Full PDB file with SEQRES, HELIX, SHEET, SSBOND, CRYST1, ORIGX, SCALE, CONECT and MASTER records, all heavy atoms in Angstrom:
SEQRES   1 A   37  ARG GLN GLU LYS LYS GLU LEU VAL ILE LEU ILE LYS PRO          
SEQRES   2 A   37  THR VAL VAL MET PRO ASP ALA TRP LYS LYS GLN GLN ALA          
SEQRES   3 A   37  HIS SER ARG ALA LEU LEU ASN THR TRP TYR GLU                  
HELIX    1 AA1 PRO A   18  TYR A   36  1                                  19    
CRYST1    1.000    1.000    1.000  90.00  90.00  90.00 P 1           1          
ORIGX1      1.000000  0.000000  0.000000        0.00000                         
ORIGX2      0.000000  1.000000  0.000000        0.00000                         
ORIGX3      0.000000  0.000000  1.000000        0.00000                         
SCALE1      1.000000  0.000000  0.000000        0.00000                         
SCALE2      0.000000  1.000000  0.000000        0.00000                         
SCALE3      0.000000  0.000000  1.000000        0.00000                         
ATOM      1  N   ARG A   1      88.870  46.084  79.285  1.00  0.00           N  
ATOM      2  CA  ARG A   1      89.892  46.234  78.152  1.00  0.00           C  
ATOM      3  C   ARG A   1      91.085  46.905  78.827  1.00  0.00           C  
ATOM      4  O   ARG A   1      91.001  47.946  79.319  1.00  0.00           O  
ATOM      5  CB  ARG A   1      89.379  46.999  77.030  1.00  0.00           C  
ATOM      6  CG  ARG A   1      90.325  47.094  75.805  1.00  0.00           C  
ATOM      7  CD  ARG A   1      89.723  47.730  74.565  1.00  0.00           C  
ATOM      8  NE  ARG A   1      89.374  49.053  74.898  1.00  0.00           N  
ATOM      9  CZ  ARG A   1      90.326  50.240  74.767  1.00  0.00           C  
ATOM     10  NH1 ARG A   1      91.469  49.975  74.348  1.00  0.00           N  
ATOM     11  NH2 ARG A   1      89.847  51.377  74.934  1.00  0.00           N  
ATOM     12  N   GLN A   2      92.177  46.203  78.694  1.00  0.00           N  
ATOM     13  CA  GLN A   2      93.445  46.730  79.296  1.00  0.00           C  
ATOM     14  C   GLN A   2      94.436  47.193  78.192  1.00  0.00           C  
ATOM     15  O   GLN A   2      94.588  46.536  77.128  1.00  0.00           O  
ATOM     16  CB  GLN A   2      94.139  45.693  80.122  1.00  0.00           C  
ATOM     17  CG  GLN A   2      95.204  46.208  80.997  1.00  0.00           C  
ATOM     18  CD  GLN A   2      95.779  45.192  82.006  1.00  0.00           C  
ATOM     19  OE1 GLN A   2      96.492  44.227  81.554  1.00  0.00           O  
ATOM     20  NE2 GLN A   2      95.450  45.280  83.254  1.00  0.00           N  
ATOM     21  N   GLU A   3      94.990  48.395  78.380  1.00  0.00           N  
ATOM     22  CA  GLU A   3      95.858  48.921  77.278  1.00  0.00           C  
ATOM     23  C   GLU A   3      97.195  49.367  78.040  1.00  0.00           C  
ATOM     24  O   GLU A   3      97.163  50.054  79.052  1.00  0.00           O  
ATOM     25  CB  GLU A   3      95.213  50.192  76.680  1.00  0.00           C  
ATOM     26  CG  GLU A   3      95.995  50.859  75.486  1.00  0.00           C  
ATOM     27  CD  GLU A   3      95.293  51.942  74.944  1.00  0.00           C  
ATOM     28  OE1 GLU A   3      94.974  52.950  75.639  1.00  0.00           O  
ATOM     29  OE2 GLU A   3      95.082  51.924  73.647  1.00  0.00           O  
ATOM     30  N   LYS A   4      98.216  49.055  77.417  1.00  0.00           N  
ATOM     31  CA  LYS A   4      99.632  49.356  77.951  1.00  0.00           C  
ATOM     32  C   LYS A   4     100.301  50.326  77.052  1.00  0.00           C  
ATOM     33  O   LYS A   4     100.303  50.013  75.816  1.00  0.00           O  
ATOM     34  CB  LYS A   4     100.372  48.071  78.272  1.00  0.00           C  
ATOM     35  CG  LYS A   4      99.939  47.227  79.316  1.00  0.00           C  
ATOM     36  CD  LYS A   4     100.852  46.021  79.616  1.00  0.00           C  
ATOM     37  CE  LYS A   4     100.313  45.123  80.782  1.00  0.00           C  
ATOM     38  NZ  LYS A   4     101.279  43.972  81.009  1.00  0.00           N  
ATOM     39  N   LYS A   5     100.887  51.266  77.544  1.00  0.00           N  
ATOM     40  CA  LYS A   5     101.669  52.345  76.830  1.00  0.00           C  
ATOM     41  C   LYS A   5     103.013  52.393  77.270  1.00  0.00           C  
ATOM     42  O   LYS A   5     103.199  52.382  78.641  1.00  0.00           O  
ATOM     43  CB  LYS A   5     100.951  53.619  76.743  1.00  0.00           C  
ATOM     44  CG  LYS A   5      99.664  53.727  76.086  1.00  0.00           C  
ATOM     45  CD  LYS A   5      99.071  55.131  76.067  1.00  0.00           C  
ATOM     46  CE  LYS A   5      97.645  55.236  75.467  1.00  0.00           C  
ATOM     47  NZ  LYS A   5      97.179  56.599  75.691  1.00  0.00           N  
ATOM     48  N   GLU A   6     104.034  52.608  76.529  1.00  0.00           N  
ATOM     49  CA  GLU A   6     105.387  52.808  77.016  1.00  0.00           C  
ATOM     50  C   GLU A   6     105.942  53.993  76.157  1.00  0.00           C  
ATOM     51  O   GLU A   6     105.973  53.820  74.817  1.00  0.00           O  
ATOM     52  CB  GLU A   6     106.313  51.605  77.019  1.00  0.00           C  
ATOM     53  CG  GLU A   6     107.633  51.906  77.538  1.00  0.00           C  
ATOM     54  CD  GLU A   6     108.540  50.657  77.549  1.00  0.00           C  
ATOM     55  OE1 GLU A   6     108.075  49.574  77.054  1.00  0.00           O  
ATOM     56  OE2 GLU A   6     109.700  50.725  78.029  1.00  0.00           O  
ATOM     57  N   LEU A   7     106.582  54.907  76.774  1.00  0.00           N  
ATOM     58  CA  LEU A   7     107.299  55.962  75.984  1.00  0.00           C  
ATOM     59  C   LEU A   7     108.707  55.635  75.871  1.00  0.00           C  
ATOM     60  O   LEU A   7     109.439  55.411  76.835  1.00  0.00           O  
ATOM     61  CB  LEU A   7     107.178  57.408  76.713  1.00  0.00           C  
ATOM     62  CG  LEU A   7     107.830  58.564  76.084  1.00  0.00           C  
ATOM     63  CD1 LEU A   7     107.275  58.834  74.711  1.00  0.00           C  
ATOM     64  CD2 LEU A   7     107.768  59.677  77.010  1.00  0.00           C  
ATOM     65  N   VAL A   8     109.188  55.442  74.653  1.00  0.00           N  
ATOM     66  CA  VAL A   8     110.600  55.168  74.322  1.00  0.00           C  
ATOM     67  C   VAL A   8     111.218  56.259  73.714  1.00  0.00           C  
ATOM     68  O   VAL A   8     110.664  56.823  72.720  1.00  0.00           O  
ATOM     69  CB  VAL A   8     110.646  53.877  73.478  1.00  0.00           C  
ATOM     70  CG1 VAL A   8     112.163  53.626  73.134  1.00  0.00           C  
ATOM     71  CG2 VAL A   8     110.018  52.698  74.081  1.00  0.00           C  
ATOM     72  N   ILE A   9     112.365  56.696  74.224  1.00  0.00           N  
ATOM     73  CA  ILE A   9     113.071  57.898  73.757  1.00  0.00           C  
ATOM     74  C   ILE A   9     114.439  57.514  73.120  1.00  0.00           C  
ATOM     75  O   ILE A   9     115.192  56.735  73.779  1.00  0.00           O  
ATOM     76  CB  ILE A   9     113.366  58.984  74.814  1.00  0.00           C  
ATOM     77  CG1 ILE A   9     111.987  59.409  75.385  1.00  0.00           C  
ATOM     78  CG2 ILE A   9     114.141  60.086  74.395  1.00  0.00           C  
ATOM     79  CD1 ILE A   9     112.158  60.263  76.747  1.00  0.00           C  
ATOM     80  N   LEU A  10     114.646  57.957  71.844  1.00  0.00           N  
ATOM     81  CA  LEU A  10     115.812  57.628  71.130  1.00  0.00           C  
ATOM     82  C   LEU A  10     116.614  58.990  71.079  1.00  0.00           C  
ATOM     83  O   LEU A  10     116.155  59.947  70.613  1.00  0.00           O  
ATOM     84  CB  LEU A  10     115.666  57.040  69.775  1.00  0.00           C  
ATOM     85  CG  LEU A  10     114.714  55.855  69.678  1.00  0.00           C  
ATOM     86  CD1 LEU A  10     114.389  55.466  68.245  1.00  0.00           C  
ATOM     87  CD2 LEU A  10     115.407  54.655  70.418  1.00  0.00           C  
ATOM     88  N   ILE A  11     117.804  58.931  71.509  1.00  0.00           N  
ATOM     89  CA  ILE A  11     118.687  60.147  71.559  1.00  0.00           C  
ATOM     90  C   ILE A  11     119.989  59.857  70.744  1.00  0.00           C  
ATOM     91  O   ILE A  11     120.648  58.864  71.060  1.00  0.00           O  
ATOM     92  CB  ILE A  11     118.995  60.650  72.989  1.00  0.00           C  
ATOM     93  CG1 ILE A  11     117.857  60.976  73.654  1.00  0.00           C  
ATOM     94  CG2 ILE A  11     119.973  61.798  72.925  1.00  0.00           C  
ATOM     95  CD1 ILE A  11     118.068  61.370  75.195  1.00  0.00           C  
ATOM     96  N   LYS A  12     120.268  60.684  69.876  1.00  0.00           N  
ATOM     97  CA  LYS A  12     121.539  60.472  69.025  1.00  0.00           C  
ATOM     98  C   LYS A  12     122.457  61.800  69.318  1.00  0.00           C  
ATOM     99  O   LYS A  12     122.186  62.783  68.622  1.00  0.00           O  
ATOM    100  CB  LYS A  12     121.282  60.362  67.584  1.00  0.00           C  
ATOM    101  CG  LYS A  12     122.585  60.157  66.695  1.00  0.00           C  
ATOM    102  CD  LYS A  12     122.099  59.976  65.300  1.00  0.00           C  
ATOM    103  CE  LYS A  12     123.474  59.744  64.466  1.00  0.00           C  
ATOM    104  NZ  LYS A  12     123.084  59.721  62.993  1.00  0.00           N  
ATOM    105  N   PRO A  13     123.327  61.751  70.189  1.00  0.00           N  
ATOM    106  CA  PRO A  13     124.206  62.953  70.445  1.00  0.00           C  
ATOM    107  C   PRO A  13     125.291  63.007  69.288  1.00  0.00           C  
ATOM    108  O   PRO A  13     125.927  62.038  68.936  1.00  0.00           O  
ATOM    109  CB  PRO A  13     124.850  62.672  71.814  1.00  0.00           C  
ATOM    110  CG  PRO A  13     124.825  61.149  71.900  1.00  0.00           C  
ATOM    111  CD  PRO A  13     123.600  60.649  71.123  1.00  0.00           C  
ATOM    112  N   THR A  14     125.465  64.287  68.889  1.00  0.00           N  
ATOM    113  CA  THR A  14     126.483  64.451  67.904  1.00  0.00           C  
ATOM    114  C   THR A  14     127.334  65.634  68.286  1.00  0.00           C  
ATOM    115  O   THR A  14     126.753  66.825  68.487  1.00  0.00           O  
ATOM    116  CB  THR A  14     125.824  64.786  66.418  1.00  0.00           C  
ATOM    117  OG1 THR A  14     124.933  63.725  66.082  1.00  0.00           O  
ATOM    118  CG2 THR A  14     126.892  64.964  65.372  1.00  0.00           C  
ATOM    119  N   VAL A  15     128.590  65.393  68.443  1.00  0.00           N  
ATOM    120  CA  VAL A  15     129.497  66.499  68.860  1.00  0.00           C  
ATOM    121  C   VAL A  15     129.963  67.259  67.552  1.00  0.00           C  
ATOM    122  O   VAL A  15     130.376  66.728  66.532  1.00  0.00           O  
ATOM    123  CB  VAL A  15     130.822  66.007  69.409  1.00  0.00           C  
ATOM    124  CG1 VAL A  15     131.806  67.056  69.856  1.00  0.00           C  
ATOM    125  CG2 VAL A  15     130.364  65.099  70.690  1.00  0.00           C  
ATOM    126  N   VAL A  16     129.729  68.546  67.611  1.00  0.00           N  
ATOM    127  CA  VAL A  16     129.944  69.539  66.383  1.00  0.00           C  
ATOM    128  C   VAL A  16     131.310  70.019  66.740  1.00  0.00           C  
ATOM    129  O   VAL A  16     131.492  70.928  67.625  1.00  0.00           O  
ATOM    130  CB  VAL A  16     128.921  70.543  66.328  1.00  0.00           C  
ATOM    131  CG1 VAL A  16     129.233  71.463  65.153  1.00  0.00           C  
ATOM    132  CG2 VAL A  16     127.513  69.881  66.106  1.00  0.00           C  
ATOM    133  N   MET A  17     132.360  69.750  65.888  1.00  0.00           N  
ATOM    134  CA  MET A  17     133.660  70.218  66.049  1.00  0.00           C  
ATOM    135  C   MET A  17     133.823  71.617  65.305  1.00  0.00           C  
ATOM    136  O   MET A  17     132.912  71.905  64.444  1.00  0.00           O  
ATOM    137  CB  MET A  17     134.620  69.222  65.428  1.00  0.00           C  
ATOM    138  CG  MET A  17     134.703  67.917  66.233  1.00  0.00           C  
ATOM    139  SD  MET A  17     135.198  68.135  67.882  1.00  0.00           S  
ATOM    140  CE  MET A  17     135.297  66.489  68.478  1.00  0.00           C  
ATOM    141  N   PRO A  18     134.824  72.385  65.593  1.00  0.00           N  
ATOM    142  CA  PRO A  18     134.922  73.764  64.898  1.00  0.00           C  
ATOM    143  C   PRO A  18     134.879  73.676  63.424  1.00  0.00           C  
ATOM    144  O   PRO A  18     134.358  74.467  62.743  1.00  0.00           O  
ATOM    145  CB  PRO A  18     136.296  74.284  65.469  1.00  0.00           C  
ATOM    146  CG  PRO A  18     136.407  73.585  66.714  1.00  0.00           C  
ATOM    147  CD  PRO A  18     135.836  72.302  66.557  1.00  0.00           C  
ATOM    148  N   ASP A  19     135.633  72.607  62.781  1.00  0.00           N  
ATOM    149  CA  ASP A  19     135.627  72.539  61.326  1.00  0.00           C  
ATOM    150  C   ASP A  19     134.362  72.143  60.748  1.00  0.00           C  
ATOM    151  O   ASP A  19     134.074  72.347  59.655  1.00  0.00           O  
ATOM    152  CB  ASP A  19     136.795  71.594  60.949  1.00  0.00           C  
ATOM    153  CG  ASP A  19     136.490  70.194  61.421  1.00  0.00           C  
ATOM    154  OD1 ASP A  19     135.752  69.996  62.451  1.00  0.00           O  
ATOM    155  OD2 ASP A  19     137.055  69.190  60.842  1.00  0.00           O  
ATOM    156  N   ALA A  20     133.437  71.597  61.598  1.00  0.00           N  
ATOM    157  CA  ALA A  20     132.082  71.151  61.024  1.00  0.00           C  
ATOM    158  C   ALA A  20     131.338  72.350  60.768  1.00  0.00           C  
ATOM    159  O   ALA A  20     130.531  72.399  59.776  1.00  0.00           O  
ATOM    160  CB  ALA A  20     131.402  70.348  62.140  1.00  0.00           C  
ATOM    161  N   TRP A  21     131.449  73.435  61.523  1.00  0.00           N  
ATOM    162  CA  TRP A  21     130.677  74.713  61.147  1.00  0.00           C  
ATOM    163  C   TRP A  21     131.151  75.306  59.826  1.00  0.00           C  
ATOM    164  O   TRP A  21     130.367  75.660  59.057  1.00  0.00           O  
ATOM    165  CB  TRP A  21     130.920  75.729  62.269  1.00  0.00           C  
ATOM    166  CG  TRP A  21     130.247  75.389  63.573  1.00  0.00           C  
ATOM    167  CD1 TRP A  21     130.862  75.050  64.727  1.00  0.00           C  
ATOM    168  CD2 TRP A  21     128.816  75.397  63.834  1.00  0.00           C  
ATOM    169  NE1 TRP A  21     129.833  74.777  65.705  1.00  0.00           N  
ATOM    170  CE2 TRP A  21     128.620  74.925  65.189  1.00  0.00           C  
ATOM    171  CE3 TRP A  21     127.647  75.545  63.032  1.00  0.00           C  
ATOM    172  CZ2 TRP A  21     127.396  74.795  65.690  1.00  0.00           C  
ATOM    173  CZ3 TRP A  21     126.377  75.414  63.681  1.00  0.00           C  
ATOM    174  CH2 TRP A  21     126.258  75.019  64.978  1.00  0.00           C  
ATOM    175  N   LYS A  22     132.467  75.220  59.578  1.00  0.00           N  
ATOM    176  CA  LYS A  22     132.968  75.681  58.277  1.00  0.00           C  
ATOM    177  C   LYS A  22     132.402  74.962  57.112  1.00  0.00           C  
ATOM    178  O   LYS A  22     132.069  75.384  56.068  1.00  0.00           O  
ATOM    179  CB  LYS A  22     134.541  75.730  58.300  1.00  0.00           C  
ATOM    180  CG  LYS A  22     135.079  76.700  59.365  1.00  0.00           C  
ATOM    181  CD  LYS A  22     136.645  76.579  59.234  1.00  0.00           C  
ATOM    182  CE  LYS A  22     137.172  77.577  60.373  1.00  0.00           C  
ATOM    183  NZ  LYS A  22     138.757  77.357  60.404  1.00  0.00           N  
ATOM    184  N   LYS A  23     132.404  73.588  57.330  1.00  0.00           N  
ATOM    185  CA  LYS A  23     131.855  72.693  56.226  1.00  0.00           C  
ATOM    186  C   LYS A  23     130.388  73.051  56.028  1.00  0.00           C  
ATOM    187  O   LYS A  23     129.835  73.037  54.837  1.00  0.00           O  
ATOM    188  CB  LYS A  23     132.041  71.225  56.669  1.00  0.00           C  
ATOM    189  CG  LYS A  23     133.500  70.753  56.630  1.00  0.00           C  
ATOM    190  CD  LYS A  23     133.558  69.276  57.113  1.00  0.00           C  
ATOM    191  CE  LYS A  23     135.079  68.830  57.151  1.00  0.00           C  
ATOM    192  NZ  LYS A  23     135.180  67.480  57.602  1.00  0.00           N  
ATOM    193  N   GLN A  24     129.724  73.235  57.027  1.00  0.00           N  
ATOM    194  CA  GLN A  24     128.214  73.449  56.942  1.00  0.00           C  
ATOM    195  C   GLN A  24     128.002  74.788  56.323  1.00  0.00           C  
ATOM    196  O   GLN A  24     127.171  74.980  55.439  1.00  0.00           O  
ATOM    197  CB  GLN A  24     127.547  73.485  58.300  1.00  0.00           C  
ATOM    198  CG  GLN A  24     126.050  73.639  58.328  1.00  0.00           C  
ATOM    199  CD  GLN A  24     125.289  72.506  57.725  1.00  0.00           C  
ATOM    200  OE1 GLN A  24     125.775  71.366  57.829  1.00  0.00           O  
ATOM    201  NE2 GLN A  24     124.241  72.821  56.916  1.00  0.00           N  
ATOM    202  N   GLN A  25     128.875  75.777  56.604  1.00  0.00           N  
ATOM    203  CA  GLN A  25     128.731  77.165  55.962  1.00  0.00           C  
ATOM    204  C   GLN A  25     129.029  77.139  54.485  1.00  0.00           C  
ATOM    205  O   GLN A  25     128.384  77.723  53.638  1.00  0.00           O  
ATOM    206  CB  GLN A  25     129.687  78.135  56.564  1.00  0.00           C  
ATOM    207  CG  GLN A  25     129.148  78.616  57.987  1.00  0.00           C  
ATOM    208  CD  GLN A  25     130.095  79.567  58.642  1.00  0.00           C  
ATOM    209  OE1 GLN A  25     131.326  79.700  58.197  1.00  0.00           O  
ATOM    210  NE2 GLN A  25     129.753  80.123  59.757  1.00  0.00           N  
ATOM    211  N   ALA A  26     130.129  76.309  54.149  1.00  0.00           N  
ATOM    212  CA  ALA A  26     130.512  76.171  52.728  1.00  0.00           C  
ATOM    213  C   ALA A  26     129.471  75.461  51.874  1.00  0.00           C  
ATOM    214  O   ALA A  26     129.073  75.803  50.776  1.00  0.00           O  
ATOM    215  CB  ALA A  26     131.764  75.377  52.615  1.00  0.00           C  
ATOM    216  N   HIS A  27     128.810  74.408  52.495  1.00  0.00           N  
ATOM    217  CA  HIS A  27     127.673  73.746  51.904  1.00  0.00           C  
ATOM    218  C   HIS A  27     126.437  74.700  51.702  1.00  0.00           C  
ATOM    219  O   HIS A  27     125.867  74.625  50.558  1.00  0.00           O  
ATOM    220  CB  HIS A  27     127.377  72.577  52.750  1.00  0.00           C  
ATOM    221  CG  HIS A  27     126.145  71.737  52.183  1.00  0.00           C  
ATOM    222  ND1 HIS A  27     126.189  70.940  51.061  1.00  0.00           N  
ATOM    223  CD2 HIS A  27     124.823  71.615  52.676  1.00  0.00           C  
ATOM    224  CE1 HIS A  27     124.964  70.441  50.827  1.00  0.00           C  
ATOM    225  NE2 HIS A  27     124.163  70.804  51.803  1.00  0.00           N  
ATOM    226  N   SER A  28     126.177  75.418  52.673  1.00  0.00           N  
ATOM    227  CA  SER A  28     125.007  76.457  52.654  1.00  0.00           C  
ATOM    228  C   SER A  28     125.335  77.458  51.490  1.00  0.00           C  
ATOM    229  O   SER A  28     124.439  77.790  50.720  1.00  0.00           O  
ATOM    230  CB  SER A  28     124.699  77.111  53.941  1.00  0.00           C  
ATOM    231  OG  SER A  28     124.392  76.166  54.836  1.00  0.00           O  
ATOM    232  N   ARG A  29     126.565  77.909  51.466  1.00  0.00           N  
ATOM    233  CA  ARG A  29     126.903  78.925  50.572  1.00  0.00           C  
ATOM    234  C   ARG A  29     126.797  78.396  49.058  1.00  0.00           C  
ATOM    235  O   ARG A  29     126.278  78.984  48.145  1.00  0.00           O  
ATOM    236  CB  ARG A  29     128.329  79.494  50.685  1.00  0.00           C  
ATOM    237  CG  ARG A  29     128.669  80.777  49.979  1.00  0.00           C  
ATOM    238  CD  ARG A  29     130.096  81.253  50.357  1.00  0.00           C  
ATOM    239  NE  ARG A  29     130.085  81.646  51.858  1.00  0.00           N  
ATOM    240  CZ  ARG A  29     130.866  81.091  52.701  1.00  0.00           C  
ATOM    241  NH1 ARG A  29     131.657  80.021  52.555  1.00  0.00           N  
ATOM    242  NH2 ARG A  29     130.890  81.522  54.059  1.00  0.00           N  
ATOM    243  N   ALA A  30     127.299  77.157  48.856  1.00  0.00           N  
ATOM    244  CA  ALA A  30     127.233  76.543  47.539  1.00  0.00           C  
ATOM    245  C   ALA A  30     125.648  76.357  47.174  1.00  0.00           C  
ATOM    246  O   ALA A  30     125.385  76.511  46.022  1.00  0.00           O  
ATOM    247  CB  ALA A  30     128.000  75.228  47.573  1.00  0.00           C  
ATOM    248  N   LEU A  31     124.908  75.988  48.212  1.00  0.00           N  
ATOM    249  CA  LEU A  31     123.434  75.831  47.846  1.00  0.00           C  
ATOM    250  C   LEU A  31     122.744  77.117  47.405  1.00  0.00           C  
ATOM    251  O   LEU A  31     121.999  77.103  46.440  1.00  0.00           O  
ATOM    252  CB  LEU A  31     122.771  75.220  49.086  1.00  0.00           C  
ATOM    253  CG  LEU A  31     121.637  74.261  48.834  1.00  0.00           C  
ATOM    254  CD1 LEU A  31     122.243  72.841  48.406  1.00  0.00           C  
ATOM    255  CD2 LEU A  31     120.835  74.062  50.209  1.00  0.00           C  
ATOM    256  N   LEU A  32     123.124  78.197  48.077  1.00  0.00           N  
ATOM    257  CA  LEU A  32     122.608  79.440  47.737  1.00  0.00           C  
ATOM    258  C   LEU A  32     123.035  79.983  46.446  1.00  0.00           C  
ATOM    259  O   LEU A  32     122.256  80.557  45.572  1.00  0.00           O  
ATOM    260  CB  LEU A  32     123.024  80.600  48.780  1.00  0.00           C  
ATOM    261  CG  LEU A  32     122.236  80.461  50.140  1.00  0.00           C  
ATOM    262  CD1 LEU A  32     122.946  81.407  51.161  1.00  0.00           C  
ATOM    263  CD2 LEU A  32     120.879  80.748  50.028  1.00  0.00           C  
ATOM    264  N   ASN A  33     124.254  79.699  45.990  1.00  0.00           N  
ATOM    265  CA  ASN A  33     124.802  80.039  44.736  1.00  0.00           C  
ATOM    266  C   ASN A  33     124.106  79.383  43.598  1.00  0.00           C  
ATOM    267  O   ASN A  33     123.741  79.896  42.525  1.00  0.00           O  
ATOM    268  CB  ASN A  33     126.307  79.779  44.669  1.00  0.00           C  
ATOM    269  CG  ASN A  33     127.170  80.738  45.504  1.00  0.00           C  
ATOM    270  OD1 ASN A  33     126.630  81.870  45.849  1.00  0.00           O  
ATOM    271  ND2 ASN A  33     128.317  80.388  45.901  1.00  0.00           N  
ATOM    272  N   THR A  34     123.799  78.018  43.921  1.00  0.00           N  
ATOM    273  CA  THR A  34     123.065  77.198  42.860  1.00  0.00           C  
ATOM    274  C   THR A  34     121.583  77.825  42.667  1.00  0.00           C  
ATOM    275  O   THR A  34     121.167  77.851  41.615  1.00  0.00           O  
ATOM    276  CB  THR A  34     122.884  75.800  43.422  1.00  0.00           C  
ATOM    277  OG1 THR A  34     124.245  75.283  43.597  1.00  0.00           O  
ATOM    278  CG2 THR A  34     122.236  74.953  42.404  1.00  0.00           C  
ATOM    279  N   TRP A  35     120.988  78.228  43.828  1.00  0.00           N  
ATOM    280  CA  TRP A  35     119.632  78.777  43.714  1.00  0.00           C  
ATOM    281  C   TRP A  35     119.525  80.060  42.933  1.00  0.00           C  
ATOM    282  O   TRP A  35     118.715  80.358  42.093  1.00  0.00           O  
ATOM    283  CB  TRP A  35     118.964  79.021  45.136  1.00  0.00           C  
ATOM    284  CG  TRP A  35     118.669  77.803  45.747  1.00  0.00           C  
ATOM    285  CD1 TRP A  35     118.594  76.516  45.279  1.00  0.00           C  
ATOM    286  CD2 TRP A  35     118.423  77.614  47.160  1.00  0.00           C  
ATOM    287  NE1 TRP A  35     118.276  75.618  46.347  1.00  0.00           N  
ATOM    288  CE2 TRP A  35     118.198  76.307  47.464  1.00  0.00           C  
ATOM    289  CE3 TRP A  35     118.531  78.485  48.265  1.00  0.00           C  
ATOM    290  CZ2 TRP A  35     117.931  75.740  48.702  1.00  0.00           C  
ATOM    291  CZ3 TRP A  35     118.179  78.047  49.575  1.00  0.00           C  
ATOM    292  CH2 TRP A  35     117.906  76.614  49.791  1.00  0.00           C  
ATOM    293  N   TYR A  36     120.583  80.931  43.209  1.00  0.00           N  
ATOM    294  CA  TYR A  36     120.619  82.324  42.481  1.00  0.00           C  
ATOM    295  C   TYR A  36     120.986  82.167  41.065  1.00  0.00           C  
ATOM    296  O   TYR A  36     120.572  82.970  40.218  1.00  0.00           O  
ATOM    297  CB  TYR A  36     121.523  83.291  43.340  1.00  0.00           C  
ATOM    298  CG  TYR A  36     120.947  83.737  44.513  1.00  0.00           C  
ATOM    299  CD1 TYR A  36     121.581  83.594  45.753  1.00  0.00           C  
ATOM    300  CD2 TYR A  36     119.768  84.489  44.493  1.00  0.00           C  
ATOM    301  CE1 TYR A  36     121.041  83.978  46.949  1.00  0.00           C  
ATOM    302  CE2 TYR A  36     119.271  84.871  45.750  1.00  0.00           C  
ATOM    303  CZ  TYR A  36     119.867  84.702  46.957  1.00  0.00           C  
ATOM    304  OH  TYR A  36     119.349  85.121  48.151  1.00  0.00           O  
ATOM    305  N   GLU A  37     121.808  81.212  40.701  1.00  0.00           N  
ATOM    306  CA  GLU A  37     122.105  81.004  39.307  1.00  0.00           C  
ATOM    307  C   GLU A  37     120.979  80.556  38.481  1.00  0.00           C  
ATOM    308  O   GLU A  37     120.825  80.924  37.314  1.00  0.00           O  
ATOM    309  CB  GLU A  37     123.338  79.948  39.151  1.00  0.00           C  
ATOM    310  CG  GLU A  37     124.571  80.503  39.685  1.00  0.00           C  
ATOM    311  CD  GLU A  37     125.724  79.457  39.666  1.00  0.00           C  
ATOM    312  OE1 GLU A  37     125.383  78.304  39.298  1.00  0.00           O  
ATOM    313  OE2 GLU A  37     126.802  79.758  40.147  1.00  0.00           O  
TER     314      GLU A  37                                                      
MASTER        0    0    0    1    0    0    0    6  313    1    0    3          
END                                                                             
């Protein structure tokens, strides 16, 4: 019985710009406010 295996790697690079951190922080802050309310 012969078995063949192949490892396939999928990579998705995403460049995070300075304004992306601010958007992420605003989204997290809004989420936290919703939880506490």
